[in-house]
PDB file of N, CA and C in Angstrom:
ATOM      1  N   MET A   1      91.868  97.081 -44.549  1.00  0.00           N
ATOM      2  CA  MET A   1      90.829  96.617 -45.416  1.00  0.00           C
ATOM      3  C   MET A   1      90.869  97.374 -46.733  1.00  0.00           C
ATOM      4  N   THR A   2      90.729  96.624 -47.735  1.00  0.00           N
ATOM      5  CA  THR A   2      90.675  97.239 -49.061  1.00  0.00           C
ATOM      6  C   THR A   2      89.277  97.059 -49.622  1.00  0.00           C
ATOM      7  N   LYS A   3      88.820  98.135 -50.142  1.00  0.00           N
ATOM      8  CA  LYS A   3      87.487  98.076 -50.753  1.00  0.00           C
ATOM      9  C   LYS A   3      87.648  97.835 -52.244  1.00  0.00           C
ATOM     10  N   GLU A   4      87.073  96.786 -52.663  1.00  0.00           N
ATOM     11  CA  GLU A   4      87.112  96.482 -54.087  1.00  0.00           C
ATOM     12  C   GLU A   4      85.747  96.795 -54.687  1.00  0.00           C
ATOM     13  N   LYS A   5      85.780  97.577 -55.709  1.00  0.00           N
ATOM     14  CA  LYS A   5      84.533  97.894 -56.394  1.00  0.00           C
ATOM     15  C   LYS A   5      84.344  96.914 -57.539  1.00  0.00           C
ATOM     16  N   LYS A   6      83.176  96.374 -57.550  1.00  0.00           N
ATOM     17  CA  LYS A   6      82.860  95.477 -58.650  1.00  0.00           C
ATOM     18  C   LYS A   6      82.152  96.287 -59.732  1.00  0.00           C
ATOM     19  N   THR A   7      82.737  96.296 -60.869  1.00  0.00           N
ATOM     20  CA  THR A   7      82.112  97.004 -61.988  1.00  0.00           C
ATOM     21  C   THR A   7      81.779  95.995 -63.071  1.00  0.00           C
ATOM     22  N   ALA A   8      80.607  96.154 -63.585  1.00  0.00           N
ATOM     23  CA  ALA A   8      80.194  95.266 -64.665  1.00  0.00           C
ATOM     24  C   ALA A   8      80.574  95.917 -65.981  1.00  0.00           C
ATOM     25  N   LYS A   9      81.194  95.157 -66.810  1.00  0.00           N
ATOM     26  CA  LYS A   9      81.589  95.673 -68.106  1.00  0.00           C
ATOM     27  C   LYS A   9      80.480  95.357 -69.107  1.00  0.00           C
ATOM     28  N   VAL A  10      79.937  96.401 -69.685  1.00  0.00           N
ATOM     29  CA  VAL A  10      78.854  96.235 -70.650  1.00  0.00           C
ATOM     30  C   VAL A  10      79.464  96.132 -72.031  1.00  0.00           C
ATOM     31  N   LYS A  11      79.135  95.064 -72.707  1.00  0.00           N
ATOM     32  CA  LYS A  11      79.663  94.877 -74.051  1.00  0.00           C
ATOM     33  C   LYS A  11      78.731  95.547 -75.056  1.00  0.00           C
ATOM     34  N   GLY A  12      79.308  96.268 -75.968  1.00  0.00           N
ATOM     35  CA  GLY A  12      78.529  96.897 -77.034  1.00  0.00           C
ATOM     36  C   GLY A  12      77.707  98.068 -76.576  1.00  0.00           C
ATOM     37  N   GLY A  13      78.033  98.678 -75.482  1.00  0.00           N
ATOM     38  CA  GLY A  13      77.264  99.795 -74.945  1.00  0.00           C
ATOM     39  C   GLY A  13      77.205 100.969 -75.902  1.00  0.00           C
ATOM     40  N   PHE A  14      78.325 101.327 -76.470  1.00  0.00           N
ATOM     41  CA  PHE A  14      78.363 102.462 -77.391  1.00  0.00           C
ATOM     42  C   PHE A  14      77.604 102.149 -78.673  1.00  0.00           C
ATOM     43  N   ARG A  15      77.809 100.942 -79.179  1.00  0.00           N
ATOM     44  CA  ARG A  15      77.147 100.566 -80.429  1.00  0.00           C
ATOM     45  C   ARG A  15      75.636 100.512 -80.275  1.00  0.00           C
ATOM     46  N   SER A  16      75.162  99.968 -79.170  1.00  0.00           N
ATOM     47  CA  SER A  16      73.712  99.887 -78.979  1.00  0.00           C
ATOM     48  C   SER A  16      73.106 101.270 -78.770  1.00  0.00           C
ATOM     49  N   THR A  17      73.828 102.148 -78.071  1.00  0.00           N
ATOM     50  CA  THR A  17      73.347 103.524 -77.887  1.00  0.00           C
ATOM     51  C   THR A  17      73.297 104.251 -79.224  1.00  0.00           C
ATOM     52  N   LEU A  18      74.314 104.067 -80.040  1.00  0.00           N
ATOM     53  CA  LEU A  18      74.352 104.690 -81.362  1.00  0.00           C
ATOM     54  C   LEU A  18      73.210 104.168 -82.240  1.00  0.00           C
ATOM     55  N   ALA A  19      72.972 102.868 -82.191  1.00  0.00           N
ATOM     56  CA  ALA A  19      71.877 102.286 -82.973  1.00  0.00           C
ATOM     57  C   ALA A  19      70.532 102.837 -82.518  1.00  0.00           C
ATOM     58  N   LEU A  20      70.352 103.013 -81.221  1.00  0.00           N
ATOM     59  CA  LEU A  20      69.107 103.578 -80.696  1.00  0.00           C
ATOM     60  C   LEU A  20      68.911 105.011 -81.174  1.00  0.00           C
ATOM     61  N   LEU A  21      69.962 105.814 -81.124  1.00  0.00           N
ATOM     62  CA  LEU A  21      69.870 107.206 -81.586  1.00  0.00           C
ATOM     63  C   LEU A  21      69.536 107.280 -83.076  1.00  0.00           C
ATOM     64  N   ILE A  22      70.179 106.435 -83.867  1.00  0.00           N
ATOM     65  CA  ILE A  22      69.907 106.425 -85.310  1.00  0.00           C
ATOM     66  C   ILE A  22      68.463 106.017 -85.581  1.00  0.00           C
ATOM     67  N   SER A  23      67.957 105.038 -84.857  1.00  0.00           N
ATOM     68  CA  SER A  23      66.572 104.603 -85.080  1.00  0.00           C
ATOM     69  C   SER A  23      65.577 105.678 -84.671  1.00  0.00           C
ATOM     70  N   ILE A  24      65.864 106.413 -83.607  1.00  0.00           N
ATOM     71  CA  ILE A  24      64.974 107.506 -83.183  1.00  0.00           C
ATOM     72  C   ILE A  24      64.969 108.617 -84.228  1.00  0.00           C
ATOM     73  N   ILE A  25      66.140 108.951 -84.759  1.00  0.00           N
ATOM     74  CA  ILE A  25      66.220 109.973 -85.807  1.00  0.00           C
ATOM     75  C   ILE A  25      65.450 109.521 -87.046  1.00  0.00           C
ATOM     76  N   ALA A  26      65.583 108.250 -87.419  1.00  0.00           N
ATOM     77  CA  ALA A  26      64.855 107.728 -88.578  1.00  0.00           C
ATOM     78  C   ALA A  26      63.349 107.791 -88.349  1.00  0.00           C
ATOM     79  N   LEU A  27      62.908 107.506 -87.150  1.00  0.00           N
ATOM     80  CA  LEU A  27      61.486 107.579 -86.827  1.00  0.00           C
ATOM     81  C   LEU A  27      60.975 109.012 -86.940  1.00  0.00           C
ATOM     82  N   ILE A  28      61.740 109.958 -86.449  1.00  0.00           N
ATOM     83  CA  ILE A  28      61.346 111.371 -86.538  1.00  0.00           C
ATOM     84  C   ILE A  28      61.252 111.810 -88.000  1.00  0.00           C
ATOM     85  N   VAL A  29      62.230 111.416 -88.810  1.00  0.00           N
ATOM     86  CA  VAL A  29      62.209 111.767 -90.236  1.00  0.00           C
ATOM     87  C   VAL A  29      60.993 111.144 -90.919  1.00  0.00           C
ATOM     88  N   ALA A  30      60.653 109.912 -90.573  1.00  0.00           N
ATOM     89  CA  ALA A  30      59.494 109.250 -91.170  1.00  0.00           C
ATOM     90  C   ALA A  30      58.199 109.963 -90.805  1.00  0.00           C
ATOM     91  N   VAL A  31      58.060 110.385 -89.564  1.00  0.00           N
ATOM     92  CA  VAL A  31      56.852 111.105 -89.132  1.00  0.00           C
ATOM     93  C   VAL A  31      56.736 112.435 -89.861  1.00  0.00           C
ATOM     94  N   ILE A  32      57.841 113.139 -90.002  1.00  0.00           N
ATOM     95  CA  ILE A  32      57.827 114.422 -90.718  1.00  0.00           C
ATOM     96  C   ILE A  32      57.429 114.210 -92.177  1.00  0.00           C
ATOM     97  N   ALA A  33      57.985 113.191 -92.819  1.00  0.00           N
ATOM     98  CA  ALA A  33      57.654 112.913 -94.221  1.00  0.00           C
ATOM     99  C   ALA A  33      56.184 112.542 -94.366  1.00  0.00           C
ATOM    100  N   TYR A  34      55.663 111.774 -93.445  1.00  0.00           N
ATOM    101  CA  TYR A  34      54.250 111.377 -93.480  1.00  0.00           C
ATOM    102  C   TYR A  34      53.345 112.597 -93.365  1.00  0.00           C
ATOM    103  N   ASN A  35      53.675 113.497 -92.462  1.00  0.00           N
ATOM    104  CA  ASN A  35      52.858 114.699 -92.282  1.00  0.00           C
ATOM    105  C   ASN A  35      52.963 115.643 -93.473  1.00  0.00           C
ATOM    106  N   ARG A  36      54.102 115.706 -94.113  1.00  0.00           N
ATOM    107  CA  ARG A  36      54.262 116.578 -95.283  1.00  0.00           C
ATOM    108  C   ARG A  36      53.457 116.076 -96.472  1.00  0.00           C
ATOM    109  N   THR A  37      53.298 114.779 -96.609  1.00  0.00           N
ATOM    110  CA  THR A  37      52.556 114.237 -97.747  1.00  0.00           C
ATOM    111  C   THR A  37      51.056 114.292 -97.536  1.00  0.00           C
ATOM    112  N   GLY A  38      50.614 114.779 -96.444  1.00  0.00           N
ATOM    113  CA  GLY A  38      49.185 114.920 -96.199  1.00  0.00           C
ATOM    114  C   GLY A  38      48.715 114.064 -95.059  1.00  0.00           C
ATOM    115  N   GLY A  39      49.337 112.958 -94.870  1.00  0.00           N
ATOM    116  CA  GLY A  39      49.016 112.101 -93.730  1.00  0.00           C
ATOM    117  C   GLY A  39      47.562 111.715 -93.644  1.00  0.00           C
ATOM    118  N   ASP A  40      46.958 111.985 -92.513  1.00  0.00           N
ATOM    119  CA  ASP A  40      45.588 111.581 -92.230  1.00  0.00           C
ATOM    120  C   ASP A  40      44.567 112.320 -93.080  1.00  0.00           C
ATOM    121  N   MET A  41      44.880 113.524 -93.503  1.00  0.00           N
ATOM    122  CA  MET A  41      43.908 114.306 -94.264  1.00  0.00           C
ATOM    123  C   MET A  41      43.585 113.628 -95.587  1.00  0.00           C
ATOM    124  N   ASP A  42      44.599 113.095 -96.269  1.00  0.00           N
ATOM    125  CA  ASP A  42      44.356 112.411 -97.532  1.00  0.00           C
ATOM    126  C   ASP A  42      43.524 111.155 -97.318  1.00  0.00           C
ATOM    127  N   MET A  43      43.802 110.442 -96.245  1.00  0.00           N
ATOM    128  CA  MET A  43      43.035 109.229 -95.982  1.00  0.00           C
ATOM    129  C   MET A  43      41.577 109.556 -95.705  1.00  0.00           C
ATOM    130  N   GLN A  44      41.312 110.617 -94.992  1.00  0.00           N
ATOM    131  CA  GLN A  44      39.934 111.011 -94.693  1.00  0.00           C
ATOM    132  C   GLN A  44      39.219 111.407 -95.980  1.00  0.00           C
ATOM    133  N   LYS A  45      39.912 112.110 -96.858  1.00  0.00           N
ATOM    134  CA  LYS A  45      39.328 112.512 -98.141  1.00  0.00           C
ATOM    135  C   LYS A  45      38.995 111.275 -98.974  1.00  0.00           C
ATOM    136  N   GLN A  46      39.916 110.323 -99.038  1.00  0.00           N
ATOM    137  CA  GLN A  46      39.681 109.095 -99.793  1.00  0.00           C
ATOM    138  C   GLN A  46      38.529 108.307 -99.192  1.00  0.00           C
ATOM    139  N   LEU A  47      38.440 108.273 -97.880  1.00  0.00           N
ATOM    140  CA  LEU A  47      37.353 107.563 -97.215  1.00  0.00           C
ATOM    141  C   LEU A  47      36.012 108.186 -97.572  1.00  0.00           C
ATOM    142  N   ASN A  48      35.943 109.516 -97.570  1.00  0.00           N
ATOM    143  CA  ASN A  48      34.698 110.197 -97.932  1.00  0.00           C
ATOM    144  C   ASN A  48      34.324 109.932 -99.384  1.00  0.00           C
ATOM    145  N   GLU A  49      35.312 109.919-100.281  1.00  0.00           N
ATOM    146  CA  GLU A  49      35.043 109.629-101.688  1.00  0.00           C
ATOM    147  C   GLU A  49      34.522 108.208-101.858  1.00  0.00           C
ATOM    148  N   LEU A  50      35.130 107.264-101.156  1.00  0.00           N
ATOM    149  CA  LEU A  50      34.690 105.871-101.254  1.00  0.00           C
ATOM    150  C   LEU A  50      33.280 105.691-100.705  1.00  0.00           C
ATOM    151  N   GLN A  51      32.954 106.397 -99.634  1.00  0.00           N
ATOM    152  CA  GLN A  51      31.602 106.313 -99.084  1.00  0.00           C
ATOM    153  C   GLN A  51      30.590 106.870-100.073  1.00  0.00           C
ATOM    154  N   GLY A  52      30.932 107.969-100.744  1.00  0.00           N
ATOM    155  CA  GLY A  52      30.044 108.538-101.754  1.00  0.00           C
ATOM    156  C   GLY A  52      29.841 107.584-102.917  1.00  0.00           C
ATOM    157  N   THR A  53      30.916 106.964-103.363  1.00  0.00           N
ATOM    158  CA  THR A  53      30.829 105.998-104.456  1.00  0.00           C
ATOM    159  C   THR A  53      29.975 104.803-104.050  1.00  0.00           C
ATOM    160  N   MET A  54      30.133 104.361-102.821  1.00  0.00           N
ATOM    161  CA  MET A  54      29.355 103.224-102.336  1.00  0.00           C
ATOM    162  C   MET A  54      27.866 103.561-102.290  1.00  0.00           C
ATOM    163  N   GLU A  55      27.521 104.763-101.840  1.00  0.00           N
ATOM    164  CA  GLU A  55      26.114 105.173-101.806  1.00  0.00           C
ATOM    165  C   GLU A  55      25.544 105.248-103.215  1.00  0.00           C
ATOM    166  N   LYS A  56      26.338 105.753-104.154  1.00  0.00           N
ATOM    167  CA  LYS A  56      25.895 105.839-105.551  1.00  0.00           C
ATOM    168  C   LYS A  56      25.639 104.441-106.111  1.00  0.00           C
ATOM    169  N   MET A  57      26.547 103.512-105.814  1.00  0.00           N
ATOM    170  CA  MET A  57      26.386 102.143-106.298  1.00  0.00           C
ATOM    171  C   MET A  57      25.164 101.484-105.673  1.00  0.00           C
ATOM    172  N   LYS A  58      24.885 101.784-104.403  1.00  0.00           N
ATOM    173  CA  LYS A  58      23.685 101.241-103.758  1.00  0.00           C
ATOM    174  C   LYS A  58      22.438 101.699-104.488  1.00  0.00           C
ATOM    175  N   GLY A  59      22.394 102.997-104.826  1.00  0.00           N
ATOM    176  CA  GLY A  59      21.241 103.540-105.532  1.00  0.00           C
ATOM    177  C   GLY A  59      21.064 102.902-106.895  1.00  0.00           C
ATOM    178  N   GLU A  60      22.164 102.757-107.626  1.00  0.00           N
ATOM    179  CA  GLU A  60      22.096 102.141-108.947  1.00  0.00           C
ATOM    180  C   GLU A  60      21.658 100.685-108.846  1.00  0.00           C
ATOM    181  N   THR A  61      22.156  99.980-107.861  1.00  0.00           N
ATOM    182  CA  THR A  61      21.784  98.579-107.677  1.00  0.00           C
ATOM    183  C   THR A  61      20.306  98.458-107.335  1.00  0.00           C
ATOM    184  N   SER A  62      19.817  99.351-106.494  1.00  0.00           N
ATOM    185  CA  SER A  62      18.396  99.323-106.133  1.00  0.00           C
ATOM    186  C   SER A  62      17.528  99.574-107.355  1.00  0.00           C
ATOM    187  N   LYS A  63      17.925 100.530-108.187  1.00  0.00           N
ATOM    188  CA  LYS A  63      17.171 100.805-109.416  1.00  0.00           C
ATOM    189  C   LYS A  63      17.190  99.590-110.333  1.00  0.00           C
ATOM    190  N   GLY A  64      18.362  98.960-110.447  1.00  0.00           N
ATOM    191  CA  GLY A  64      18.487  97.774-111.300  1.00  0.00           C
ATOM    192  C   GLY A  64      17.611  96.634-110.810  1.00  0.00           C
ATOM    193  N   PHE A  65      17.589  96.409-109.506  1.00  0.00           N
ATOM    194  CA  PHE A  65      16.740  95.353-108.958  1.00  0.00           C
ATOM    195  C   PHE A  65      15.267  95.676-109.149  1.00  0.00           C
ATOM    196  N   GLY A  66      14.913  96.943-109.008  1.00  0.00           N
ATOM    197  CA  GLY A  66      13.518  97.336-109.215  1.00  0.00           C
ATOM    198  C   GLY A  66      13.082  97.071-110.645  1.00  0.00           C
ATOM    199  N   LYS A  67      13.930  97.423-111.594  1.00  0.00           N
ATOM    200  CA  LYS A  67      13.625  97.181-113.012  1.00  0.00           C
ATOM    201  C   LYS A  67      13.539  95.683-113.287  1.00  0.00           C
ATOM    202  N   PHE A  68      14.466  94.932-112.744  1.00  0.00           N
ATOM    203  CA  PHE A  68      14.456  93.478-112.921  1.00  0.00           C
ATOM    204  C   PHE A  68      13.187  92.871-112.332  1.00  0.00           C
ATOM    205  N   ARG A  69      12.784  93.352-111.180  1.00  0.00           N
ATOM    206  CA  ARG A  69      11.574  92.869-110.517  1.00  0.00           C
ATOM    207  C   ARG A  69      10.340  93.143-111.384  1.00  0.00           C
ATOM    208  N   GLU A  70      10.273  94.335-111.969  1.00  0.00           N
ATOM    209  CA  GLU A  70       9.137  94.684-112.828  1.00  0.00           C
ATOM    210  C   GLU A  70       9.099  93.809-114.073  1.00  0.00           C
ATOM    211  N   GLU A  71      10.252  93.620-114.709  1.00  0.00           N
ATOM    212  CA  GLU A  71      10.304  92.790-115.913  1.00  0.00           C
ATOM    213  C   GLU A  71       9.932  91.348-115.598  1.00  0.00           C
ATOM    214  N   THR A  72      10.399  90.841-114.484  1.00  0.00           N
ATOM    215  CA  THR A  72      10.051  89.473-114.083  1.00  0.00           C
ATOM    216  C   THR A  72       8.558  89.366-113.821  1.00  0.00           C
ATOM    217  N   SER A  73       7.998  90.373-113.192  1.00  0.00           N
ATOM    218  CA  SER A  73       6.561  90.380-112.911  1.00  0.00           C
ATOM    219  C   SER A  73       5.762  90.372-114.207  1.00  0.00           C
ATOM    220  N   LYS A  74       6.160  91.194-115.160  1.00  0.00           N
ATOM    221  CA  LYS A  74       5.468  91.238-116.454  1.00  0.00           C
ATOM    222  C   LYS A  74       5.567  89.896-117.173  1.00  0.00           C
ATOM    223  N   ALA A  75       6.763  89.298-117.147  1.00  0.00           N
ATOM    224  CA  ALA A  75       6.951  88.010-117.817  1.00  0.00           C
ATOM    225  C   ALA A  75       6.097  86.929-117.161  1.00  0.00           C
ATOM    226  N   LEU A  76       6.015  86.928-115.839  1.00  0.00           N
ATOM    227  CA  LEU A  76       5.188  85.935-115.148  1.00  0.00           C
ATOM    228  C   LEU A  76       3.703  86.159-115.430  1.00  0.00           C
ATOM    229  N   ASP A  77       3.293  87.418-115.524  1.00  0.00           N
ATOM    230  CA  ASP A  77       1.897  87.709-115.873  1.00  0.00           C
ATOM    231  C   ASP A  77       1.569  87.193-117.263  1.00  0.00           C
ATOM    232  N   LYS A  78       2.450  87.457-118.224  1.00  0.00           N
ATOM    233  CA  LYS A  78       2.232  86.971-119.590  1.00  0.00           C
ATOM    234  C   LYS A  78       2.166  85.450-119.615  1.00  0.00           C
ATOM    235  N   LEU A  79       3.084  84.827-118.891  1.00  0.00           N
ATOM    236  CA  LEU A  79       3.128  83.362-118.859  1.00  0.00           C
ATOM    237  C   LEU A  79       1.861  82.801-118.237  1.00  0.00           C
ATOM    238  N   SER A  80       1.397  83.408-117.159  1.00  0.00           N
ATOM    239  CA  SER A  80       0.170  82.903-116.520  1.00  0.00           C
ATOM    240  C   SER A  80      -1.036  83.112-117.425  1.00  0.00           C
ATOM    241  N   LYS A  81      -1.091  84.222-118.159  1.00  0.00           N
ATOM    242  CA  LYS A  81      -2.198  84.455-119.094  1.00  0.00           C
ATOM    243  C   LYS A  81      -2.163  83.449-120.230  1.00  0.00           C
ATOM    244  N   MET A  82      -0.946  83.129-120.709  1.00  0.00           N
ATOM    245  CA  MET A  82      -0.829  82.136-121.782  1.00  0.00           C
ATOM    246  C   MET A  82      -1.286  80.769-121.293  1.00  0.00           C
ATOM    247  N   ILE A  83      -0.894  80.409-120.084  1.00  0.00           N
ATOM    248  CA  ILE A  83      -1.286  79.102-119.539  1.00  0.00           C
ATOM    249  C   ILE A  83      -2.789  79.058-119.319  1.00  0.00           C
ATOM    250  N   LYS A  84      -3.360  80.121-118.780  1.00  0.00           N
ATOM    251  CA  LYS A  84      -4.807  80.170-118.559  1.00  0.00           C
ATOM    252  C   LYS A  84      -5.557  80.138-119.878  1.00  0.00           C
ATOM    253  N   GLY A  85      -5.012  80.794-120.901  1.00  0.00           N
ATOM    254  CA  GLY A  85      -5.645  80.788-122.221  1.00  0.00           C
ATOM    255  C   GLY A  85      -5.649  79.400-122.823  1.00  0.00           C
ATOM    256  N   LYS A  86      -4.575  78.653-122.642  1.00  0.00           N
ATOM    257  CA  LYS A  86      -4.503  77.288-123.168  1.00  0.00           C
ATOM    258  C   LYS A  86      -5.456  76.379-122.416  1.00  0.00           C
ATOM    259  N   GLU A  87      -5.581  76.584-121.105  1.00  0.00           N
ATOM    260  CA  GLU A  87      -6.471  75.738-120.313  1.00  0.00           C
ATOM    261  C   GLU A  87      -7.929  75.973-120.697  1.00  0.00           C
ATOM    262  N   THR A  88      -8.299  77.212-120.947  1.00  0.00           N
ATOM    263  CA  THR A  88      -9.691  77.502-121.300  1.00  0.00           C
ATOM    264  C   THR A  88      -9.989  77.070-122.722  1.00  0.00           C
ATOM    265  N   ALA A  89      -8.969  77.025-123.593  1.00  0.00           N
ATOM    266  CA  ALA A  89      -9.180  76.597-124.974  1.00  0.00           C
ATOM    267  C   ALA A  89      -9.404  75.095-125.042  1.00  0.00           C
ATOM    268  N   GLN A  90      -8.915  74.359-124.093  1.00  0.00           N
ATOM    269  CA  GLN A  90      -9.061  72.898-124.146  1.00  0.00           C
ATOM    270  C   GLN A  90     -10.379  72.525-123.656  1.00  0.00           C
TER     271      GLN A  90
END
């Protein structure tokens, strides 16, 4: 009896392994570069700055609406007094 071993021949085994190694090295280099440029710390700082700016804009908008509301109220009061004055004059 002869024992025959069946071996499967993998095509491109070396090339695919090499491509995998190169991609892993590229990923490591990208992570290192990201961490050197500040990474998450810069994003957190920018987020805090944007939140501060947003709160400031909310305050300014509220003041603007309050002023607009007062001016509208004064204009409506004047208009109602003018209308009442015309009605009583007739």
